[in-house]
N, C-alpha and C. Protein backbone atom coordinates (compact mmCIF):
# COMPACT_ATOMS: atom_id res chain seq x y z
N MET A 1 160.04 42.80 496.72
CA MET A 1 160.88 41.73 496.21
C MET A 1 162.33 42.18 496.34
N ASP A 2 163.15 41.35 496.94
CA ASP A 2 164.55 41.71 497.11
C ASP A 2 165.35 41.43 495.83
N LEU A 3 166.56 41.90 495.76
CA LEU A 3 167.40 41.81 494.57
C LEU A 3 167.73 40.37 494.21
N ALA A 4 168.03 39.52 495.20
CA ALA A 4 168.37 38.12 494.93
C ALA A 4 167.19 37.39 494.32
N SER A 5 166.00 37.65 494.82
CA SER A 5 164.79 37.02 494.29
C SER A 5 164.54 37.46 492.86
N SER A 6 164.78 38.72 492.58
CA SER A 6 164.59 39.26 491.24
C SER A 6 165.56 38.60 490.26
N ASP A 7 166.82 38.40 490.68
CA ASP A 7 167.81 37.73 489.83
C ASP A 7 167.42 36.29 489.53
N ARG A 8 166.89 35.60 490.53
CA ARG A 8 166.45 34.21 490.33
C ARG A 8 165.33 34.14 489.29
N HIS A 9 164.35 35.04 489.40
CA HIS A 9 163.25 35.04 488.44
C HIS A 9 163.74 35.37 487.04
N HIS A 10 164.66 36.33 486.95
CA HIS A 10 165.21 36.70 485.66
C HIS A 10 165.93 35.51 485.03
N CYS A 11 166.74 34.82 485.82
CA CYS A 11 167.49 33.66 485.33
C CYS A 11 166.53 32.55 484.90
N TYR A 12 165.49 32.30 485.72
CA TYR A 12 164.51 31.26 485.41
C TYR A 12 163.79 31.56 484.10
N TYR A 13 163.32 32.80 483.95
CA TYR A 13 162.60 33.17 482.72
C TYR A 13 163.54 33.21 481.52
N GLY A 14 164.80 33.51 481.76
CA GLY A 14 165.79 33.48 480.68
C GLY A 14 165.97 32.06 480.14
N ARG A 15 166.01 31.07 481.06
CA ARG A 15 166.14 29.67 480.63
C ARG A 15 164.90 29.23 479.86
N ILE A 16 163.73 29.65 480.32
CA ILE A 16 162.50 29.31 479.62
C ILE A 16 162.50 29.93 478.22
N ALA A 17 162.92 31.17 478.13
CA ALA A 17 162.98 31.84 476.83
C ALA A 17 163.95 31.11 475.90
N GLU A 18 165.08 30.63 476.44
CA GLU A 18 166.03 29.86 475.65
C GLU A 18 165.40 28.58 475.12
N LYS A 19 164.69 27.87 475.99
CA LYS A 19 164.04 26.62 475.59
C LYS A 19 162.97 26.87 474.53
N VAL A 20 162.20 27.94 474.71
CA VAL A 20 161.18 28.28 473.72
C VAL A 20 161.84 28.62 472.39
N GLN A 21 162.95 29.33 472.42
CA GLN A 21 163.66 29.69 471.19
C GLN A 21 164.19 28.43 470.49
N ARG A 22 164.76 27.49 471.25
CA ARG A 22 165.25 26.24 470.67
C ARG A 22 164.11 25.45 470.05
N LEU A 23 162.97 25.38 470.76
CA LEU A 23 161.81 24.68 470.23
C LEU A 23 161.32 25.33 468.95
N PHE A 24 161.27 26.66 468.95
CA PHE A 24 160.85 27.39 467.76
C PHE A 24 161.78 27.09 466.59
N ASN A 25 163.09 27.14 466.82
CA ASN A 25 164.07 26.85 465.77
C ASN A 25 163.91 25.43 465.24
N TYR A 26 163.70 24.48 466.15
CA TYR A 26 163.49 23.09 465.74
C TYR A 26 162.26 22.97 464.85
N LEU A 27 161.17 23.59 465.27
CA LEU A 27 159.92 23.51 464.50
C LEU A 27 160.06 24.17 463.13
N VAL A 28 160.76 25.30 463.08
CA VAL A 28 160.97 25.97 461.80
C VAL A 28 161.80 25.08 460.88
N LYS A 29 162.83 24.45 461.44
CA LYS A 29 163.68 23.56 460.64
C LYS A 29 162.87 22.38 460.09
N ARG A 30 162.04 21.78 460.94
CA ARG A 30 161.19 20.66 460.50
C ARG A 30 160.21 21.12 459.43
N TRP A 31 159.64 22.31 459.62
CA TRP A 31 158.68 22.85 458.66
C TRP A 31 159.37 23.06 457.31
N LEU A 32 160.60 23.61 457.34
CA LEU A 32 161.32 23.83 456.09
C LEU A 32 161.63 22.52 455.39
N LYS A 33 161.99 21.49 456.15
CA LYS A 33 162.24 20.18 455.55
C LYS A 33 160.97 19.65 454.88
N PHE A 34 159.84 19.85 455.54
CA PHE A 34 158.56 19.42 454.99
C PHE A 34 158.26 20.16 453.69
N VAL A 35 158.47 21.48 453.70
CA VAL A 35 158.20 22.28 452.50
C VAL A 35 159.11 21.86 451.36
N VAL A 36 160.38 21.63 451.66
CA VAL A 36 161.32 21.19 450.62
C VAL A 36 160.89 19.83 450.06
N ALA A 37 160.51 18.91 450.93
CA ALA A 37 160.06 17.59 450.47
C ALA A 37 158.81 17.72 449.61
N LEU A 38 157.91 18.60 450.00
CA LEU A 38 156.70 18.83 449.23
C LEU A 38 157.03 19.40 447.86
N CYS A 39 157.98 20.33 447.81
CA CYS A 39 158.40 20.91 446.53
C CYS A 39 159.05 19.86 445.63
N LEU A 40 159.86 18.98 446.23
CA LEU A 40 160.50 17.93 445.45
C LEU A 40 159.46 16.96 444.89
N CYS A 41 158.46 16.63 445.71
CA CYS A 41 157.39 15.75 445.22
C CYS A 41 156.64 16.41 444.08
N PHE A 42 156.37 17.69 444.22
CA PHE A 42 155.67 18.42 443.17
C PHE A 42 156.52 18.46 441.90
N ALA A 43 157.81 18.74 442.06
CA ALA A 43 158.71 18.79 440.91
C ALA A 43 158.78 17.43 440.21
N TYR A 44 158.80 16.35 441.00
CA TYR A 44 158.80 15.02 440.41
C TYR A 44 157.50 14.79 439.65
N TYR A 45 156.38 15.17 440.26
CA TYR A 45 155.08 14.96 439.63
C TYR A 45 155.01 15.72 438.32
N VAL A 46 155.48 16.95 438.30
CA VAL A 46 155.43 17.75 437.09
C VAL A 46 156.42 17.22 436.06
N GLY A 47 157.62 16.82 436.51
CA GLY A 47 158.67 16.42 435.57
C GLY A 47 158.58 15.01 435.07
N VAL A 48 158.26 14.05 435.94
CA VAL A 48 158.29 12.65 435.54
C VAL A 48 156.94 11.98 435.72
N GLY A 49 156.34 12.15 436.87
CA GLY A 49 155.14 11.39 437.21
C GLY A 49 153.89 11.82 436.51
N LYS A 50 153.80 13.07 436.09
CA LYS A 50 152.56 13.56 435.48
C LYS A 50 152.45 13.07 434.05
N LYS A 51 151.29 12.63 433.72
CA LYS A 51 151.03 12.20 432.35
C LYS A 51 149.98 13.12 431.77
N SER A 52 150.17 13.53 430.56
CA SER A 52 149.18 14.40 429.94
C SER A 52 147.93 13.60 429.63
N SER A 53 146.84 14.27 429.45
CA SER A 53 145.58 13.58 429.20
C SER A 53 145.56 12.95 427.82
N THR A 54 146.38 13.44 426.90
CA THR A 54 146.37 12.91 425.54
C THR A 54 147.40 11.82 425.32
N SER A 55 148.45 11.79 426.15
CA SER A 55 149.53 10.84 425.91
C SER A 55 150.16 10.38 427.22
N LYS A 56 150.61 9.12 427.25
CA LYS A 56 151.29 8.57 428.42
C LYS A 56 152.80 8.61 428.24
N GLN A 57 153.26 9.24 427.17
CA GLN A 57 154.68 9.17 426.84
C GLN A 57 155.54 10.01 427.78
N PHE A 58 156.68 9.42 428.13
CA PHE A 58 157.71 10.13 428.86
C PHE A 58 158.72 10.63 427.85
N SER A 59 159.46 11.64 428.22
CA SER A 59 160.50 12.13 427.31
C SER A 59 161.60 11.08 427.20
N THR A 60 162.34 11.19 426.15
CA THR A 60 163.47 10.27 425.93
C THR A 60 164.47 10.39 427.07
N GLU A 61 164.70 11.60 427.56
CA GLU A 61 165.64 11.82 428.65
C GLU A 61 165.18 11.13 429.94
N GLN A 62 163.89 11.21 430.19
CA GLN A 62 163.35 10.58 431.40
C GLN A 62 163.49 9.06 431.32
N ARG A 63 163.18 8.49 430.17
CA ARG A 63 163.35 7.04 430.02
C ARG A 63 164.81 6.64 430.07
N ALA A 64 165.69 7.48 429.53
CA ALA A 64 167.14 7.19 429.57
C ALA A 64 167.62 7.12 431.01
N LYS A 65 167.10 8.01 431.90
CA LYS A 65 167.46 7.97 433.32
C LYS A 65 167.09 6.62 433.92
N VAL A 66 165.89 6.16 433.60
CA VAL A 66 165.41 4.88 434.13
C VAL A 66 166.30 3.75 433.65
N PHE A 67 166.57 3.69 432.34
CA PHE A 67 167.37 2.59 431.81
C PHE A 67 168.82 2.67 432.24
N LYS A 68 169.33 3.87 432.42
CA LYS A 68 170.70 4.02 432.93
C LYS A 68 170.79 3.49 434.36
N ALA A 69 169.77 3.79 435.16
CA ALA A 69 169.76 3.29 436.54
C ALA A 69 169.70 1.76 436.56
N LEU A 70 169.02 1.18 435.59
CA LEU A 70 168.89 -0.29 435.54
C LEU A 70 170.10 -0.96 434.89
N SER A 71 171.04 -0.17 434.36
CA SER A 71 172.19 -0.77 433.67
C SER A 71 173.20 -1.40 434.62
N ASP A 72 173.12 -1.10 435.90
CA ASP A 72 174.02 -1.70 436.88
C ASP A 72 173.42 -3.02 437.38
N PRO A 73 174.19 -4.11 437.38
CA PRO A 73 173.64 -5.41 437.80
C PRO A 73 173.08 -5.42 439.23
N THR A 74 173.72 -4.71 440.14
CA THR A 74 173.23 -4.68 441.53
C THR A 74 171.89 -3.98 441.60
N ARG A 75 171.76 -2.84 440.92
CA ARG A 75 170.48 -2.12 440.93
C ARG A 75 169.39 -2.93 440.24
N LEU A 76 169.75 -3.62 439.18
CA LEU A 76 168.77 -4.47 438.49
C LEU A 76 168.29 -5.59 439.41
N ARG A 77 169.21 -6.18 440.18
CA ARG A 77 168.81 -7.22 441.13
C ARG A 77 167.91 -6.64 442.22
N MET A 78 168.21 -5.40 442.64
CA MET A 78 167.36 -4.75 443.64
C MET A 78 165.94 -4.58 443.12
N VAL A 79 165.81 -4.12 441.89
CA VAL A 79 164.49 -3.92 441.29
C VAL A 79 163.78 -5.27 441.14
N GLU A 80 164.51 -6.30 440.75
CA GLU A 80 163.90 -7.63 440.63
C GLU A 80 163.40 -8.12 441.99
N MET A 81 164.20 -7.90 443.04
CA MET A 81 163.77 -8.30 444.39
C MET A 81 162.52 -7.54 444.81
N LEU A 82 162.50 -6.24 444.54
CA LEU A 82 161.36 -5.41 444.93
C LEU A 82 160.10 -5.74 444.12
N SER A 83 160.28 -6.27 442.92
CA SER A 83 159.11 -6.61 442.11
C SER A 83 158.33 -7.78 442.70
N SER A 84 158.99 -8.58 443.54
CA SER A 84 158.32 -9.74 444.13
C SER A 84 157.70 -9.44 445.50
N CYS A 85 157.87 -8.22 446.01
CA CYS A 85 157.27 -7.87 447.29
C CYS A 85 156.85 -6.40 447.29
N GLU A 86 156.07 -6.03 448.27
CA GLU A 86 155.54 -4.66 448.34
C GLU A 86 156.63 -3.65 448.71
N GLN A 87 157.38 -3.94 449.80
CA GLN A 87 158.49 -3.07 450.20
C GLN A 87 159.48 -3.87 451.02
N MET A 88 160.71 -3.36 451.07
CA MET A 88 161.77 -4.04 451.82
C MET A 88 162.59 -3.00 452.57
N CYS A 89 163.14 -3.42 453.72
CA CYS A 89 164.01 -2.50 454.47
C CYS A 89 165.44 -2.63 453.95
N GLY A 90 166.23 -1.60 454.22
CA GLY A 90 167.58 -1.53 453.70
C GLY A 90 168.48 -2.65 454.14
N SER A 91 168.44 -3.01 455.41
CA SER A 91 169.33 -4.06 455.91
C SER A 91 169.00 -5.40 455.27
N GLU A 92 167.72 -5.65 455.02
CA GLU A 92 167.32 -6.90 454.37
C GLU A 92 167.83 -6.96 452.93
N ILE A 93 167.73 -5.85 452.21
CA ILE A 93 168.21 -5.81 450.82
C ILE A 93 169.72 -5.98 450.78
N ALA A 94 170.44 -5.26 451.66
CA ALA A 94 171.90 -5.35 451.69
C ALA A 94 172.35 -6.77 452.00
N GLU A 95 171.66 -7.42 452.93
CA GLU A 95 172.02 -8.79 453.30
C GLU A 95 171.79 -9.75 452.13
N ARG A 96 170.66 -9.62 451.48
CA ARG A 96 170.36 -10.52 450.34
C ARG A 96 171.32 -10.32 449.17
N LEU A 97 171.72 -9.05 448.96
CA LEU A 97 172.63 -8.76 447.85
C LEU A 97 174.09 -8.99 448.22
N GLY A 98 174.37 -9.07 449.51
CA GLY A 98 175.75 -9.25 449.96
C GLY A 98 176.59 -7.99 449.80
N ILE A 99 175.97 -6.83 450.03
CA ILE A 99 176.69 -5.55 449.91
C ILE A 99 176.58 -4.78 451.22
N SER A 100 177.44 -3.78 451.38
CA SER A 100 177.41 -2.95 452.60
C SER A 100 176.25 -1.97 452.53
N LEU A 101 175.88 -1.44 453.69
CA LEU A 101 174.80 -0.45 453.72
C LEU A 101 175.21 0.84 453.00
N ALA A 102 176.51 1.17 453.04
CA ALA A 102 176.99 2.37 452.34
C ALA A 102 176.80 2.22 450.83
N LEU A 103 177.14 1.05 450.31
CA LEU A 103 176.95 0.81 448.88
C LEU A 103 175.47 0.76 448.53
N LEU A 104 174.67 0.20 449.42
CA LEU A 104 173.23 0.17 449.21
C LEU A 104 172.68 1.59 449.09
N CYS A 105 173.12 2.49 449.96
CA CYS A 105 172.66 3.88 449.91
C CYS A 105 173.02 4.54 448.58
N HIS A 106 174.19 4.24 448.07
CA HIS A 106 174.60 4.77 446.76
C HIS A 106 173.63 4.31 445.67
N HIS A 107 173.31 3.04 445.67
CA HIS A 107 172.39 2.51 444.65
C HIS A 107 170.97 3.06 444.85
N TRP A 108 170.56 3.22 446.11
CA TRP A 108 169.24 3.79 446.40
C TRP A 108 169.11 5.17 445.79
N LYS A 109 170.13 5.99 445.97
CA LYS A 109 170.07 7.37 445.46
C LYS A 109 169.90 7.37 443.94
N THR A 110 170.62 6.49 443.27
CA THR A 110 170.52 6.42 441.81
C THR A 110 169.11 6.00 441.39
N LEU A 111 168.58 4.97 442.03
CA LEU A 111 167.23 4.49 441.69
C LEU A 111 166.17 5.53 442.06
N GLU A 112 166.38 6.20 443.18
CA GLU A 112 165.42 7.22 443.62
C GLU A 112 165.45 8.43 442.67
N HIS A 113 166.63 8.81 442.22
CA HIS A 113 166.77 9.93 441.29
C HIS A 113 166.07 9.63 439.97
N ALA A 114 166.11 8.38 439.55
CA ALA A 114 165.43 7.98 438.32
C ALA A 114 163.93 7.84 438.52
N GLY A 115 163.49 7.84 439.77
CA GLY A 115 162.06 7.72 440.06
C GLY A 115 161.58 6.29 440.19
N LEU A 116 162.51 5.33 440.18
CA LEU A 116 162.14 3.92 440.21
C LEU A 116 161.71 3.42 441.58
N ILE A 117 162.18 4.07 442.62
CA ILE A 117 161.81 3.63 443.97
C ILE A 117 161.30 4.80 444.78
N VAL A 118 160.53 4.47 445.79
CA VAL A 118 160.04 5.45 446.75
C VAL A 118 160.58 5.02 448.11
N LYS A 119 161.27 5.93 448.78
CA LYS A 119 161.91 5.62 450.05
C LYS A 119 161.05 6.15 451.19
N LYS A 120 160.82 5.31 452.18
CA LYS A 120 160.06 5.70 453.36
C LYS A 120 160.93 5.46 454.58
N LYS A 121 160.94 6.43 455.48
CA LYS A 121 161.77 6.29 456.67
C LYS A 121 160.89 6.40 457.90
N GLU A 122 160.97 5.40 458.76
CA GLU A 122 160.26 5.39 460.03
C GLU A 122 161.30 5.17 461.12
N GLY A 123 161.59 6.22 461.88
CA GLY A 123 162.64 6.12 462.88
C GLY A 123 163.98 5.96 462.19
N GLN A 124 164.71 4.92 462.59
CA GLN A 124 166.00 4.65 461.96
C GLN A 124 165.90 3.63 460.85
N THR A 125 164.71 3.09 460.65
CA THR A 125 164.52 2.08 459.62
C THR A 125 164.01 2.73 458.34
N ALA A 126 164.71 2.49 457.26
CA ALA A 126 164.29 3.00 455.95
C ALA A 126 163.90 1.81 455.08
N SER A 127 162.81 1.96 454.37
CA SER A 127 162.39 0.92 453.45
C SER A 127 162.05 1.55 452.10
N ILE A 128 162.10 0.74 451.08
CA ILE A 128 161.80 1.24 449.74
C ILE A 128 160.76 0.36 449.09
N SER A 129 160.04 0.97 448.17
CA SER A 129 159.09 0.22 447.36
C SER A 129 159.31 0.63 445.91
N LEU A 130 158.92 -0.23 445.02
CA LEU A 130 159.14 -0.04 443.59
C LEU A 130 158.03 0.80 442.99
N ASN A 131 158.40 1.74 442.15
CA ASN A 131 157.43 2.53 441.39
C ASN A 131 157.08 1.71 440.14
N ARG A 132 156.17 0.80 440.33
CA ARG A 132 155.81 -0.15 439.26
C ARG A 132 155.23 0.55 438.04
N GLU A 133 154.46 1.59 438.26
CA GLU A 133 153.82 2.30 437.15
C GLU A 133 154.86 2.91 436.22
N LEU A 134 155.86 3.58 436.80
CA LEU A 134 156.92 4.19 435.99
C LEU A 134 157.67 3.13 435.21
N LEU A 135 158.04 2.06 435.89
CA LEU A 135 158.79 0.99 435.24
C LEU A 135 157.99 0.38 434.09
N SER A 136 156.73 0.10 434.34
CA SER A 136 155.86 -0.48 433.32
C SER A 136 155.69 0.46 432.13
N ASP A 137 155.46 1.74 432.42
CA ASP A 137 155.27 2.71 431.34
C ASP A 137 156.51 2.87 430.48
N CYS A 138 157.68 2.89 431.10
CA CYS A 138 158.93 3.03 430.34
C CYS A 138 159.15 1.86 429.41
N PHE A 139 158.92 0.65 429.90
CA PHE A 139 159.10 -0.52 429.06
C PHE A 139 158.03 -0.60 427.97
N SER A 140 156.82 -0.23 428.29
CA SER A 140 155.74 -0.33 427.29
C SER A 140 155.96 0.68 426.16
N GLU A 141 156.54 1.84 426.48
CA GLU A 141 156.82 2.83 425.44
C GLU A 141 157.90 2.35 424.49
N VAL A 142 158.85 1.58 424.98
CA VAL A 142 159.91 1.05 424.13
C VAL A 142 159.37 -0.07 423.24
N ILE A 143 158.53 -0.91 423.80
CA ILE A 143 158.00 -2.07 423.07
C ILE A 143 156.94 -1.67 422.08
N ASP A 144 156.06 -0.74 422.47
CA ASP A 144 154.93 -0.36 421.58
C ASP A 144 155.36 0.48 420.40
């Protein structure tokens, strides 16, 4: 094998190694995002979503988060809209409410932090659905 041929093979395998490294980094990054999402779901389940076998009560702080999120008229209208359907996409909600997508994202974060909505993203389209059980339980604890 001559020197020029050896350099070509080295360069070719170097590019392949680079591509493999990029793919590996991408997969590790995706895996970490998955693990973080799984941890957040677990933390939510332990903190808000889990109900003890003896009681369905949420802490006062957890219910306060829910009611604080509902104290904004726009967020309350969003929850009312979601109560009449299974799920809605962001652009549809923003159009019905007459608000920008940036403002919609702000309200989504607040409702999501309170646990009132579940956000699903498929490609570039994000949709949300209402956590009816949490909403029902919070109101029933206040009334009962």
